[in-house]
Protein backbone atom coordinates (compact mmCIF):
# COMPACT_ATOMS: atom_id res chain seq x y z
CA MET A 1 38.35 55.59 -30.16
CA GLU A 2 37.82 55.98 -26.63
CA ASN A 3 33.89 56.39 -27.51
CA ALA A 4 34.06 52.53 -29.10
CA LEU A 5 36.17 50.66 -26.47
CA ARG A 6 33.72 52.40 -23.79
CA THR A 7 30.61 51.60 -25.66
CA ILE A 8 32.31 47.81 -26.08
CA VAL A 9 33.11 47.76 -22.18
CA GLU A 10 29.54 48.61 -21.43
CA ALA A 11 28.30 46.22 -23.51
CA ASP A 12 30.33 43.44 -21.98
CA ALA A 13 28.84 44.48 -18.68
CA VAL A 14 25.40 44.52 -19.87
CA ALA A 15 26.20 41.10 -21.61
CA ARG A 16 27.77 39.57 -18.11
CA LYS A 17 24.89 40.65 -15.94
CA GLU A 18 22.26 39.44 -18.83
CA VAL A 19 24.22 35.71 -18.53
CA ALA A 20 24.21 35.97 -14.67
CA ALA A 21 20.39 36.69 -14.73
CA ALA A 22 20.42 33.82 -17.24
CA ASN A 23 22.34 31.41 -14.97
CA ALA A 24 20.75 32.60 -11.99
CA ARG A 25 17.40 31.72 -14.05
CA ARG A 26 18.73 28.68 -14.92
CA GLU A 27 19.45 27.31 -11.55
CA ASN A 28 15.87 28.64 -10.08
CA LEU A 29 14.07 26.36 -13.39
CA THR A 30 16.17 23.56 -12.01
CA ALA A 31 15.71 23.70 -8.44
CA GLU A 32 11.82 24.28 -9.29
CA LEU A 33 12.26 21.20 -11.55
CA ALA A 34 13.47 19.20 -8.62
CA GLU A 35 11.01 20.36 -6.66
CA SER A 36 8.25 19.49 -8.73
CA LYS A 37 9.80 16.21 -9.47
CA GLU A 38 9.66 15.51 -6.19
CA ASN A 39 6.41 16.16 -5.36
CA ILE A 40 5.21 13.69 -8.50
CA ARG A 41 7.45 11.48 -7.11
CA ARG A 42 5.45 11.78 -3.59
CA GLN A 43 1.96 11.77 -5.13
CA HIS A 44 2.51 8.91 -7.07
CA ARG A 45 3.89 7.05 -3.91
CA GLU A 46 0.99 8.30 -1.73
CA ASN A 47 -1.50 7.01 -4.36
CA ALA A 48 0.22 3.85 -4.55
CA GLU A 49 0.52 3.62 -1.01
CA LYS A 50 -3.42 4.06 -1.22
CA ALA A 51 -4.40 1.51 -3.46
CA ILE A 52 -1.82 -1.21 -1.54
CA GLN A 53 -3.67 -0.43 1.36
CA LYS A 54 -7.32 -0.90 -0.25
CA VAL A 55 -6.23 -4.03 -1.75
CA ARG A 56 -4.72 -4.97 1.63
CA ASP A 57 -8.13 -4.08 3.47
CA ASN A 58 -9.97 -5.95 0.81
CA MET A 59 -8.11 -9.20 1.46
CA GLN A 60 -8.05 -8.98 4.93
CA ALA A 61 -11.87 -8.90 4.67
CA LYS A 62 -12.10 -11.71 2.68
CA VAL A 63 -9.79 -13.50 5.02
CA ASP A 64 -12.16 -12.50 7.91
CA GLY A 65 -15.15 -13.69 5.96
CA ALA A 66 -13.66 -16.97 5.10
CA VAL A 67 -12.38 -17.77 8.70
CA ALA A 68 -16.03 -16.76 9.91
CA GLU A 69 -17.12 -19.33 7.80
CA MET A 70 -15.40 -21.69 8.23
CA GLU A 71 -15.72 -21.46 12.39
CA ARG A 72 -19.51 -21.21 11.61
CA LYS A 73 -19.23 -24.89 9.51
CA THR A 74 -17.12 -26.22 12.51
CA GLU A 75 -19.61 -25.17 15.22
CA GLU A 76 -22.38 -26.76 12.53
CA LYS A 77 -20.46 -30.02 12.47
CA ALA A 78 -19.05 -30.07 16.10
CA ALA A 79 -22.99 -29.62 17.00
CA ARG A 80 -24.26 -32.49 14.64
CA MET A 81 -21.57 -34.74 15.81
CA GLN A 82 -22.69 -34.54 19.75
CA LYS A 83 -26.37 -34.60 18.92
CA ILE A 84 -25.16 -38.13 17.35
CA TYR A 85 -23.28 -39.07 20.13
CA ASP A 86 -26.26 -37.98 22.87
CA GLU A 87 -28.68 -39.80 20.54
CA ASN A 88 -26.52 -42.93 20.57
CA ALA A 89 -24.18 -43.05 23.32
CA ASP A 90 -26.34 -45.22 25.53
CA ARG A 91 -26.72 -48.18 22.71
CA TRP A 92 -23.28 -47.66 21.77
CA VAL A 93 -22.37 -48.61 25.83
CA GLU A 94 -24.70 -50.99 25.79
CA THR A 95 -23.69 -52.74 22.42
CA ILE A 96 -19.45 -52.87 23.27
CA PHE A 97 -20.63 -54.24 27.15
CA LYS A 98 -22.74 -57.08 25.03
CA ALA A 99 -19.38 -57.65 22.74
CA VAL A 100 -17.27 -57.66 26.06
CA THR A 101 -19.45 -59.63 28.35
CA LYS A 102 -20.14 -62.54 25.62
């Protein structure tokens, strides 16, 4: 009987150690899973930020190009208007002067 009790106590001790080891493994796996999950989130966040920056850079380049084109066209129009003014200013002044003095 004493032998049976000792066997039961030893089996209980072994089982408790196994349960403790299993709990420790579970805790380790839970920590590893949390770390892995965070790494995946961080990687997705970095990928999203890179994609957003790429789109932002592309859009900025388009805006810069459109602004440059508008400035070029504005300068061309201003140059044409200045040319028309330079060619016709004296005649316009003369026409206005004649209209006022008659």
